[in-house]
Amino acid sequence: MRWWFVLAIACGSPKPAPVLANRAAGSVASRAWEPPAHARLIMRTSNGGVIQLDGDRGKAMERSQDLMVAHCGPDNFTIIQEGEERVDEDVPRGPTAWRVHYQCGS
């Protein structure tokens, strides 16, 4: 009986499997699939620019706010135009994208 005790100590006891915490109802795993959202800087000047929104427009707009704040400062920009634009001006009926034109200063 003693040799079993010594063997168990020498080999170590098996480690228990990790316990996974319960995820909250709003966690990523429990949400339905959401399309990606991107805000991409297309053009920038010293006093404004153009940002293209891809995917979920609401979330992409939130991300575009970060780009405008980084360029102009908080509460220091105005969206002067927003809408669907042709991506390639040389192709009359080419692909379009949602773009936001902004200028720095309120």
C-alpha atoms as a PDB file:
ATOM      1  CA  MET A   1       0.000   0.000   0.000  1.00  0.00           C
ATOM      2  CA  ARG A   2       2.893   2.336   0.709  1.00  0.00           C
ATOM      3  CA  TRP A   3       4.388   1.986  -2.744  1.00  0.00           C
ATOM      4  CA  TRP A   4       1.106   3.249  -4.287  1.00  0.00           C
ATOM      5  CA  PHE A   5       1.255   6.406  -2.148  1.00  0.00           C
ATOM      6  CA  VAL A   6       4.898   7.008  -3.107  1.00  0.00           C
ATOM      7  CA  LEU A   7       4.148   6.387  -6.787  1.00  0.00           C
ATOM      8  CA  ALA A   8       1.208   8.824  -6.722  1.00  0.00           C
ATOM      9  CA  ILE A   9       3.372  11.545  -5.146  1.00  0.00           C
ATOM     10  CA  ALA A  10       6.302  10.930  -7.512  1.00  0.00           C
ATOM     11  CA  CYS A  11       4.152  11.019 -10.633  1.00  0.00           C
ATOM     12  CA  GLY A  12       1.910  13.833  -9.449  1.00  0.00           C
ATOM     13  CA  SER A  13      -1.809  13.757  -9.455  1.00  0.00           C
ATOM     14  CA  PRO A  14      -3.674  14.566 -12.646  1.00  0.00           C
ATOM     15  CA  LYS A  15      -4.549  18.240 -13.029  1.00  0.00           C
ATOM     16  CA  PRO A  16      -8.217  19.078 -13.243  1.00  0.00           C
ATOM     17  CA  ALA A  17      -9.543  20.416 -16.527  1.00  0.00           C
ATOM     18  CA  PRO A  18      -9.831  24.212 -16.602  1.00  0.00           C
ATOM     19  CA  VAL A  19     -13.229  25.570 -15.713  1.00  0.00           C
ATOM     20  CA  LEU A  20     -14.606  27.973 -18.267  1.00  0.00           C
ATOM     21  CA  ALA A  21     -16.468  30.928 -16.890  1.00  0.00           C
ATOM     22  CA  ASN A  22     -20.035  31.440 -17.982  1.00  0.00           C
ATOM     23  CA  ARG A  23     -20.263  34.039 -20.698  1.00  0.00           C
ATOM     24  CA  ALA A  24     -22.574  36.986 -20.368  1.00  0.00           C
ATOM     25  CA  ALA A  25     -25.568  37.167 -22.646  1.00  0.00           C
ATOM     26  CA  GLY A  26     -23.967  40.001 -24.621  1.00  0.00           C
ATOM     27  CA  SER A  27     -20.686  38.241 -25.310  1.00  0.00           C
ATOM     28  CA  VAL A  28     -19.316  37.789 -28.799  1.00  0.00           C
ATOM     29  CA  ALA A  29     -20.043  34.049 -28.759  1.00  0.00           C
ATOM     30  CA  SER A  30     -23.723  34.558 -28.034  1.00  0.00           C
ATOM     31  CA  ARG A  31     -24.379  37.267 -30.647  1.00  0.00           C
ATOM     32  CA  ALA A  32     -25.495  36.565 -34.171  1.00  0.00           C
ATOM     33  CA  TRP A  33     -22.930  37.140 -36.903  1.00  0.00           C
ATOM     34  CA  GLU A  34     -22.369  40.811 -37.596  1.00  0.00           C
ATOM     35  CA  PRO A  35     -20.883  42.143 -40.830  1.00  0.00           C
ATOM     36  CA  PRO A  36     -17.527  43.868 -40.437  1.00  0.00           C
ATOM     37  CA  ALA A  37     -17.408  47.652 -40.462  1.00  0.00           C
ATOM     38  CA  HIS A  38     -14.516  49.725 -41.750  1.00  0.00           C
ATOM     39  CA  ALA A  39     -13.797  53.417 -42.136  1.00  0.00           C
ATOM     40  CA  ARG A  40     -10.977  54.050 -44.582  1.00  0.00           C
ATOM     41  CA  LEU A  41      -9.340  57.394 -45.231  1.00  0.00           C
ATOM     42  CA  ILE A  42      -9.486  58.057 -48.990  1.00  0.00           C
ATOM     43  CA  MET A  43      -8.096  61.586 -49.138  1.00  0.00           C
ATOM     44  CA  ARG A  44      -6.973  64.169 -46.624  1.00  0.00           C
ATOM     45  CA  THR A  45      -5.978  67.809 -46.918  1.00  0.00           C
ATOM     46  CA  SER A  46      -4.838  70.265 -44.262  1.00  0.00           C
ATOM     47  CA  ASN A  47      -8.461  71.209 -43.546  1.00  0.00           C
ATOM     48  CA  GLY A  48     -10.600  68.153 -44.318  1.00  0.00           C
ATOM     49  CA  GLY A  49     -10.872  64.888 -46.168  1.00  0.00           C
ATOM     50  CA  VAL A  50     -12.903  61.969 -47.478  1.00  0.00           C
ATOM     51  CA  ILE A  51     -13.585  58.713 -45.618  1.00  0.00           C
ATOM     52  CA  GLN A  52     -15.114  55.602 -47.168  1.00  0.00           C
ATOM     53  CA  LEU A  53     -17.506  53.522 -45.050  1.00  0.00           C
ATOM     54  CA  ASP A  54     -17.664  49.780 -45.713  1.00  0.00           C
ATOM     55  CA  GLY A  55     -19.899  47.186 -44.083  1.00  0.00           C
ATOM     56  CA  ASP A  56     -22.301  48.173 -41.322  1.00  0.00           C
ATOM     57  CA  ARG A  57     -22.730  51.889 -41.979  1.00  0.00           C
ATOM     58  CA  GLY A  58     -23.600  52.821 -38.379  1.00  0.00           C
ATOM     59  CA  LYS A  59     -20.534  51.156 -36.919  1.00  0.00           C
ATOM     60  CA  ALA A  60     -18.317  52.381 -39.753  1.00  0.00           C
ATOM     61  CA  MET A  61     -19.566  55.925 -39.076  1.00  0.00           C
ATOM     62  CA  GLU A  62     -18.504  55.567 -35.433  1.00  0.00           C
ATOM     63  CA  ARG A  63     -15.033  54.594 -36.620  1.00  0.00           C
ATOM     64  CA  SER A  64     -14.942  57.494 -39.075  1.00  0.00           C
ATOM     65  CA  GLN A  65     -15.572  59.845 -36.138  1.00  0.00           C
ATOM     66  CA  ASP A  66     -12.292  58.615 -34.631  1.00  0.00           C
ATOM     67  CA  LEU A  67     -10.443  59.452 -37.864  1.00  0.00           C
ATOM     68  CA  MET A  68     -11.985  62.928 -38.028  1.00  0.00           C
ATOM     69  CA  VAL A  69     -11.201  63.624 -34.357  1.00  0.00           C
ATOM     70  CA  ALA A  70      -7.600  62.467 -34.895  1.00  0.00           C
ATOM     71  CA  HIS A  71      -7.251  64.861 -37.831  1.00  0.00           C
ATOM     72  CA  CYS A  72      -9.221  67.912 -36.657  1.00  0.00           C
ATOM     73  CA  GLY A  73      -9.573  67.547 -32.901  1.00  0.00           C
ATOM     74  CA  PRO A  74     -12.662  66.801 -30.811  1.00  0.00           C
ATOM     75  CA  ASP A  75     -15.811  68.707 -31.826  1.00  0.00           C
ATOM     76  CA  ASN A  76     -13.827  70.539 -34.483  1.00  0.00           C
ATOM     77  CA  PHE A  77     -15.156  69.132 -37.767  1.00  0.00           C
ATOM     78  CA  THR A  78     -18.261  69.308 -39.920  1.00  0.00           C
ATOM     79  CA  ILE A  79     -19.566  66.685 -42.328  1.00  0.00           C
ATOM     80  CA  ILE A  80     -20.238  68.660 -45.499  1.00  0.00           C
ATOM     81  CA  GLN A  81     -21.332  65.808 -47.775  1.00  0.00           C
ATOM     82  CA  GLU A  82     -22.284  62.166 -47.333  1.00  0.00           C
ATOM     83  CA  GLY A  83     -23.582  59.636 -49.816  1.00  0.00           C
ATOM     84  CA  GLU A  84     -23.033  57.016 -52.482  1.00  0.00           C
ATOM     85  CA  GLU A  85     -20.223  57.861 -54.919  1.00  0.00           C
ATOM     86  CA  ARG A  86     -18.607  56.113 -57.835  1.00  0.00           C
ATOM     87  CA  VAL A  87     -15.329  54.550 -56.777  1.00  0.00           C
ATOM     88  CA  ASP A  88     -13.778  54.855 -60.257  1.00  0.00           C
ATOM     89  CA  GLU A  89     -14.681  58.147 -61.937  1.00  0.00           C
ATOM     90  CA  ASP A  90     -13.440  56.827 -65.323  1.00  0.00           C
ATOM     91  CA  VAL A  91     -16.085  54.065 -65.422  1.00  0.00           C
ATOM     92  CA  PRO A  92     -19.547  55.597 -66.027  1.00  0.00           C
ATOM     93  CA  ARG A  93     -21.489  52.826 -64.241  1.00  0.00           C
ATOM     94  CA  GLY A  94     -18.704  51.487 -62.101  1.00  0.00           C
ATOM     95  CA  PRO A  95     -18.826  50.353 -58.476  1.00  0.00           C
ATOM     96  CA  THR A  96     -19.958  52.776 -55.792  1.00  0.00           C
ATOM     97  CA  ALA A  97     -19.207  53.255 -52.101  1.00  0.00           C
ATOM     98  CA  TRP A  98     -20.616  55.326 -49.251  1.00  0.00           C
ATOM     99  CA  ARG A  99     -18.277  58.260 -48.578  1.00  0.00           C
ATOM    100  CA  VAL A 100     -18.198  61.073 -46.057  1.00  0.00           C
ATOM    101  CA  HIS A 101     -16.604  64.433 -46.874  1.00  0.00           C
ATOM    102  CA  TYR A 102     -15.630  66.550 -43.871  1.00  0.00           C
ATOM    103  CA  GLN A 103     -13.852  69.794 -43.079  1.00  0.00           C
ATOM    104  CA  CYS A 104     -12.013  70.843 -39.969  1.00  0.00           C
ATOM    105  CA  GLY A 105     -13.410  73.727 -37.967  1.00  0.00           C
ATOM    106  CA  SER A 106     -16.934  74.173 -36.716  1.00  0.00           C
END
